[in-house]
Amino acid sequence: MQFLVTIHRPDDYDPSVEDAAMGHAIDALNAEMVDAGIRVFVGGLQSPNRARSLRPQPDGAVLLTDGPYLQTNEHVGGLWVLEAANLDEALAWGRKAAVACRAPVEVRPLHSML
């Protein structure tokens, strides 16, 4: 099974608060995931003000707007796609991600696309 693990940040998050210890913890977690053979993909996201949203319109056109699709006070700051045996295993990795990133984490199963 594959799971999406997302890191959540407040919209006013300042990446300059990330110290060397945090960077080391995230690097160590990534290495542990690779060694365990569960990491499929990892990526950090730029600020939500860099997003562009596309919305289909009733007339068939697609409206392009600057900014994120959802207006919230938090955003996804990064993500992993993991190949885990079950939800419990994915949640164990999610706990490690929350500690390493010092942030809330969401773990969600991906639909199987066979």
N, C-alpha and C. Protein backbone atom coordinates (compact mmCIF):
# COMPACT_ATOMS: atom_id res chain seq x y z
N MET A 1 0.84 -1.18 0.00
CA MET A 1 0.00 0.00 0.00
C MET A 1 0.88 1.24 0.00
N GLN A 2 0.40 2.27 -0.68
CA GLN A 2 1.13 3.53 -0.67
C GLN A 2 0.38 4.56 0.16
N PHE A 3 1.15 5.41 0.83
CA PHE A 3 0.59 6.43 1.71
C PHE A 3 1.25 7.77 1.42
N LEU A 4 0.45 8.81 1.50
CA LEU A 4 0.96 10.17 1.40
C LEU A 4 1.14 10.70 2.82
N VAL A 5 2.33 11.17 3.12
CA VAL A 5 2.64 11.77 4.41
C VAL A 5 2.95 13.24 4.13
N THR A 6 2.11 14.15 4.64
CA THR A 6 2.29 15.57 4.36
C THR A 6 2.65 16.32 5.65
N ILE A 7 3.54 17.30 5.48
CA ILE A 7 3.96 18.17 6.57
C ILE A 7 3.14 19.46 6.45
N HIS A 8 2.57 19.92 7.53
CA HIS A 8 1.75 21.13 7.51
C HIS A 8 2.46 22.26 8.24
N ARG A 9 2.41 23.44 7.64
CA ARG A 9 3.04 24.64 8.18
C ARG A 9 2.02 25.77 8.23
N PRO A 10 2.16 26.68 9.20
CA PRO A 10 1.30 27.87 9.19
C PRO A 10 1.66 28.75 8.00
N ASP A 11 0.71 29.51 7.50
CA ASP A 11 0.98 30.36 6.33
C ASP A 11 2.08 31.37 6.58
N ASP A 12 2.27 31.78 7.82
CA ASP A 12 3.34 32.74 8.11
C ASP A 12 4.65 32.06 8.51
N TYR A 13 4.81 30.80 8.13
CA TYR A 13 6.00 30.03 8.50
C TYR A 13 7.26 30.67 7.91
N ASP A 14 8.26 30.80 8.75
CA ASP A 14 9.54 31.37 8.35
C ASP A 14 10.58 30.26 8.31
N PRO A 15 11.00 29.82 7.11
CA PRO A 15 11.96 28.72 7.02
C PRO A 15 13.31 29.02 7.68
N SER A 16 13.58 30.27 7.97
CA SER A 16 14.86 30.59 8.60
C SER A 16 14.93 30.07 10.03
N VAL A 17 13.80 29.64 10.61
CA VAL A 17 13.82 29.08 11.97
C VAL A 17 14.31 27.62 11.97
N GLU A 18 14.48 27.04 10.79
CA GLU A 18 14.96 25.66 10.70
C GLU A 18 16.45 25.65 10.98
N ASP A 19 16.82 25.07 12.12
CA ASP A 19 18.22 25.04 12.50
C ASP A 19 18.90 23.78 11.99
N ALA A 20 20.19 23.67 12.25
CA ALA A 20 20.98 22.53 11.78
C ALA A 20 20.47 21.22 12.38
N ALA A 21 20.03 21.26 13.63
CA ALA A 21 19.52 20.04 14.27
C ALA A 21 18.28 19.53 13.54
N MET A 22 17.40 20.43 13.14
CA MET A 22 16.21 20.03 12.40
C MET A 22 16.59 19.46 11.04
N GLY A 23 17.49 20.12 10.34
CA GLY A 23 17.95 19.62 9.05
C GLY A 23 18.57 18.24 9.17
N HIS A 24 19.35 18.04 10.22
CA HIS A 24 19.98 16.73 10.45
C HIS A 24 18.92 15.67 10.73
N ALA A 25 17.90 16.02 11.53
CA ALA A 25 16.84 15.07 11.86
C ALA A 25 16.07 14.65 10.61
N ILE A 26 15.79 15.61 9.73
CA ILE A 26 15.07 15.30 8.49
C ILE A 26 15.94 14.46 7.56
N ASP A 27 17.22 14.81 7.44
CA ASP A 27 18.14 14.02 6.62
C ASP A 27 18.25 12.59 7.15
N ALA A 28 18.33 12.44 8.47
CA ALA A 28 18.43 11.11 9.08
C ALA A 28 17.17 10.30 8.82
N LEU A 29 16.01 10.95 8.91
CA LEU A 29 14.75 10.26 8.64
C LEU A 29 14.70 9.81 7.18
N ASN A 30 15.09 10.67 6.26
CA ASN A 30 15.12 10.28 4.85
C ASN A 30 16.04 9.10 4.62
N ALA A 31 17.21 9.11 5.23
CA ALA A 31 18.15 7.98 5.09
C ALA A 31 17.54 6.71 5.67
N GLU A 32 16.87 6.83 6.81
CA GLU A 32 16.23 5.66 7.42
C GLU A 32 15.13 5.10 6.52
N MET A 33 14.37 5.98 5.90
CA MET A 33 13.32 5.54 4.97
C MET A 33 13.91 4.82 3.77
N VAL A 34 14.99 5.37 3.22
CA VAL A 34 15.65 4.73 2.08
C VAL A 34 16.18 3.36 2.49
N ASP A 35 16.86 3.29 3.65
CA ASP A 35 17.41 2.02 4.13
C ASP A 35 16.31 0.98 4.35
N ALA A 36 15.14 1.44 4.79
CA ALA A 36 14.02 0.53 5.03
C ALA A 36 13.31 0.15 3.73
N GLY A 37 13.63 0.84 2.63
CA GLY A 37 13.02 0.53 1.34
C GLY A 37 11.58 0.96 1.21
N ILE A 38 11.15 1.95 2.01
CA ILE A 38 9.74 2.35 1.97
C ILE A 38 9.52 3.68 1.25
N ARG A 39 10.57 4.46 1.05
CA ARG A 39 10.39 5.78 0.45
C ARG A 39 10.29 5.67 -1.06
N VAL A 40 9.17 6.14 -1.62
CA VAL A 40 8.94 6.16 -3.05
C VAL A 40 9.32 7.53 -3.61
N PHE A 41 8.94 8.59 -2.87
CA PHE A 41 9.17 9.96 -3.33
C PHE A 41 9.19 10.88 -2.12
N VAL A 42 9.99 11.94 -2.20
CA VAL A 42 10.00 12.98 -1.18
C VAL A 42 10.15 14.33 -1.87
N GLY A 43 9.52 15.35 -1.33
CA GLY A 43 9.69 16.68 -1.92
C GLY A 43 9.21 17.76 -0.97
N GLY A 44 9.90 18.88 -1.00
CA GLY A 44 9.48 20.07 -0.27
C GLY A 44 8.77 21.00 -1.23
N LEU A 45 7.84 21.76 -0.71
CA LEU A 45 7.08 22.69 -1.54
C LEU A 45 7.45 24.12 -1.21
N GLN A 46 7.44 24.95 -2.23
CA GLN A 46 7.67 26.37 -2.02
C GLN A 46 6.43 26.99 -1.39
N SER A 47 6.54 28.24 -1.01
CA SER A 47 5.47 28.98 -0.34
C SER A 47 4.17 28.92 -1.16
N PRO A 48 3.02 28.90 -0.48
CA PRO A 48 1.74 28.86 -1.20
C PRO A 48 1.51 30.08 -2.10
N ASN A 49 2.20 31.19 -1.84
CA ASN A 49 2.01 32.33 -2.74
C ASN A 49 2.64 32.09 -4.11
N ARG A 50 3.39 30.99 -4.26
CA ARG A 50 3.95 30.61 -5.55
C ARG A 50 3.02 29.70 -6.34
N ALA A 51 1.92 29.31 -5.72
CA ALA A 51 0.97 28.38 -6.36
C ALA A 51 0.15 29.09 -7.42
N ARG A 52 -0.35 28.32 -8.36
CA ARG A 52 -1.32 28.75 -9.36
C ARG A 52 -2.44 27.72 -9.33
N SER A 53 -3.67 28.19 -9.34
CA SER A 53 -4.82 27.30 -9.27
C SER A 53 -5.59 27.34 -10.58
N LEU A 54 -6.05 26.19 -11.00
CA LEU A 54 -6.82 26.06 -12.24
C LEU A 54 -8.18 25.49 -11.89
N ARG A 55 -9.24 26.18 -12.33
CA ARG A 55 -10.61 25.76 -12.01
C ARG A 55 -11.42 25.65 -13.31
N PRO A 56 -12.00 24.47 -13.55
CA PRO A 56 -12.84 24.34 -14.74
C PRO A 56 -14.11 25.17 -14.59
N GLN A 57 -14.54 25.77 -15.67
CA GLN A 57 -15.72 26.62 -15.69
C GLN A 57 -16.85 25.90 -16.44
N PRO A 58 -18.10 26.28 -16.19
CA PRO A 58 -19.23 25.61 -16.85
C PRO A 58 -19.15 25.67 -18.38
N ASP A 59 -18.52 26.72 -18.93
CA ASP A 59 -18.45 26.85 -20.39
C ASP A 59 -17.30 26.04 -21.00
N GLY A 60 -16.58 25.28 -20.16
CA GLY A 60 -15.48 24.47 -20.66
C GLY A 60 -14.12 25.14 -20.55
N ALA A 61 -14.10 26.43 -20.26
CA ALA A 61 -12.83 27.14 -20.07
C ALA A 61 -12.23 26.76 -18.72
N VAL A 62 -10.97 27.08 -18.55
CA VAL A 62 -10.29 26.84 -17.28
C VAL A 62 -9.76 28.18 -16.78
N LEU A 63 -10.17 28.55 -15.59
CA LEU A 63 -9.78 29.82 -14.98
C LEU A 63 -8.47 29.62 -14.22
N LEU A 64 -7.47 30.43 -14.53
CA LEU A 64 -6.18 30.40 -13.85
C LEU A 64 -6.11 31.58 -12.89
N THR A 65 -5.80 31.30 -11.62
CA THR A 65 -5.65 32.36 -10.63
C THR A 65 -4.33 32.17 -9.89
N ASP A 66 -3.77 33.27 -9.41
CA ASP A 66 -2.57 33.21 -8.59
C ASP A 66 -2.94 32.79 -7.18
N GLY A 67 -2.10 31.99 -6.57
CA GLY A 67 -2.30 31.59 -5.18
C GLY A 67 -2.85 30.19 -5.05
N PRO A 68 -2.95 29.74 -3.81
CA PRO A 68 -3.41 28.37 -3.55
C PRO A 68 -4.90 28.21 -3.85
N TYR A 69 -5.31 26.98 -4.08
CA TYR A 69 -6.71 26.68 -4.33
C TYR A 69 -7.55 26.96 -3.10
N LEU A 70 -7.07 26.54 -1.94
CA LEU A 70 -7.80 26.75 -0.69
C LEU A 70 -7.22 27.92 0.07
N GLN A 71 -8.07 28.74 0.62
CA GLN A 71 -7.65 29.84 1.48
C GLN A 71 -7.74 29.36 2.93
N THR A 72 -6.60 29.05 3.51
CA THR A 72 -6.55 28.55 4.88
C THR A 72 -5.43 29.26 5.62
N ASN A 73 -5.25 28.93 6.87
CA ASN A 73 -4.14 29.51 7.62
C ASN A 73 -2.96 28.56 7.72
N GLU A 74 -3.04 27.41 7.04
CA GLU A 74 -1.96 26.45 6.97
C GLU A 74 -1.78 25.99 5.54
N HIS A 75 -0.63 25.39 5.25
CA HIS A 75 -0.38 24.85 3.92
C HIS A 75 0.51 23.62 4.03
N VAL A 76 0.53 22.84 2.97
CA VAL A 76 1.43 21.68 2.90
C VAL A 76 2.81 22.20 2.55
N GLY A 77 3.78 21.88 3.40
CA GLY A 77 5.14 22.35 3.18
C GLY A 77 6.04 21.31 2.55
N GLY A 78 5.64 20.06 2.61
CA GLY A 78 6.44 18.98 2.03
C GLY A 78 5.68 17.68 2.11
N LEU A 79 6.22 16.67 1.45
CA LEU A 79 5.52 15.39 1.41
C LEU A 79 6.45 14.23 1.15
N TRP A 80 6.00 13.08 1.56
CA TRP A 80 6.61 11.80 1.21
C TRP A 80 5.52 10.91 0.64
N VAL A 81 5.87 10.05 -0.29
CA VAL A 81 5.04 8.92 -0.68
C VAL A 81 5.80 7.70 -0.19
N LEU A 82 5.12 6.90 0.64
CA LEU A 82 5.74 5.73 1.24
C LEU A 82 5.03 4.46 0.81
N GLU A 83 5.79 3.40 0.67
CA GLU A 83 5.24 2.07 0.40
C GLU A 83 5.33 1.32 1.73
N ALA A 84 4.19 1.15 2.40
CA ALA A 84 4.15 0.51 3.71
C ALA A 84 3.21 -0.68 3.69
N ALA A 85 3.41 -1.60 4.60
CA ALA A 85 2.59 -2.81 4.66
C ALA A 85 1.14 -2.51 5.04
N ASN A 86 0.97 -1.48 5.90
CA ASN A 86 -0.37 -1.17 6.38
C ASN A 86 -0.37 0.23 7.01
N LEU A 87 -1.55 0.66 7.45
CA LEU A 87 -1.68 1.99 8.03
C LEU A 87 -0.84 2.15 9.29
N ASP A 88 -0.78 1.13 10.11
CA ASP A 88 0.01 1.23 11.34
C ASP A 88 1.47 1.51 11.05
N GLU A 89 2.03 0.85 10.05
CA GLU A 89 3.42 1.10 9.68
C GLU A 89 3.59 2.52 9.14
N ALA A 90 2.65 2.97 8.32
CA ALA A 90 2.71 4.33 7.78
C ALA A 90 2.60 5.36 8.90
N LEU A 91 1.75 5.10 9.89
CA LEU A 91 1.62 6.02 11.02
C LEU A 91 2.89 6.07 11.85
N ALA A 92 3.59 4.96 11.98
CA ALA A 92 4.86 4.95 12.71
C ALA A 92 5.87 5.88 12.01
N TRP A 93 5.92 5.83 10.68
CA TRP A 93 6.79 6.74 9.93
C TRP A 93 6.29 8.18 10.05
N GLY A 94 4.98 8.36 10.06
CA GLY A 94 4.40 9.70 10.22
C GLY A 94 4.79 10.31 11.56
N ARG A 95 4.81 9.50 12.62
CA ARG A 95 5.24 10.00 13.93
C ARG A 95 6.69 10.49 13.87
N LYS A 96 7.53 9.72 13.20
CA LYS A 96 8.93 10.13 13.06
C LYS A 96 9.04 11.42 12.27
N ALA A 97 8.20 11.57 11.24
CA ALA A 97 8.22 12.79 10.43
C ALA A 97 7.77 13.99 11.25
N ALA A 98 6.75 13.83 12.09
CA ALA A 98 6.27 14.93 12.93
C ALA A 98 7.37 15.40 13.88
N VAL A 99 8.11 14.45 14.44
CA VAL A 99 9.19 14.80 15.36
C VAL A 99 10.33 15.48 14.61
N ALA A 100 10.75 14.91 13.48
CA ALA A 100 11.88 15.46 12.73
C ALA A 100 11.56 16.85 12.18
N CYS A 101 10.34 17.04 11.68
CA CYS A 101 9.97 18.32 11.06
C CYS A 101 9.41 19.32 12.06
N ARG A 102 9.16 18.86 13.30
CA ARG A 102 8.60 19.74 14.33
C ARG A 102 7.31 20.39 13.85
N ALA A 103 6.45 19.57 13.25
CA ALA A 103 5.23 20.09 12.64
C ALA A 103 4.16 19.01 12.60
N PRO A 104 2.90 19.42 12.47
CA PRO A 104 1.83 18.44 12.28
C PRO A 104 2.03 17.69 10.96
N VAL A 105 1.64 16.43 10.98
CA VAL A 105 1.78 15.56 9.81
C VAL A 105 0.45 14.85 9.59
N GLU A 106 0.09 14.70 8.32
CA GLU A 106 -1.10 13.92 7.95
C GLU A 106 -0.63 12.69 7.18
N VAL A 107 -1.21 11.52 7.50
CA VAL A 107 -0.92 10.29 6.78
C VAL A 107 -2.23 9.85 6.13
N ARG A 108 -2.16 9.63 4.81
CA ARG A 108 -3.38 9.27 4.08
C ARG A 108 -3.07 8.19 3.05
N PRO A 109 -3.88 7.12 3.01
CA PRO A 109 -3.67 6.09 2.00
C PRO A 109 -3.96 6.63 0.60
N LEU A 110 -3.20 6.18 -0.37
CA LEU A 110 -3.44 6.50 -1.77
C LEU A 110 -4.33 5.41 -2.37
N HIS A 111 -5.17 5.79 -3.33
CA HIS A 111 -5.96 4.80 -4.05
C HIS A 111 -5.02 3.91 -4.85
N SER A 112 -5.33 2.63 -4.89
CA SER A 112 -4.56 1.70 -5.70
C SER A 112 -4.94 1.91 -7.16
N MET A 113 -3.95 2.16 -8.01
CA MET A 113 -4.21 2.38 -9.43
C MET A 113 -3.59 1.24 -10.23
N LEU A 114 -4.32 0.15 -10.34
CA LEU A 114 -3.81 -1.03 -11.06
C LEU A 114 -4.21 -0.99 -12.49
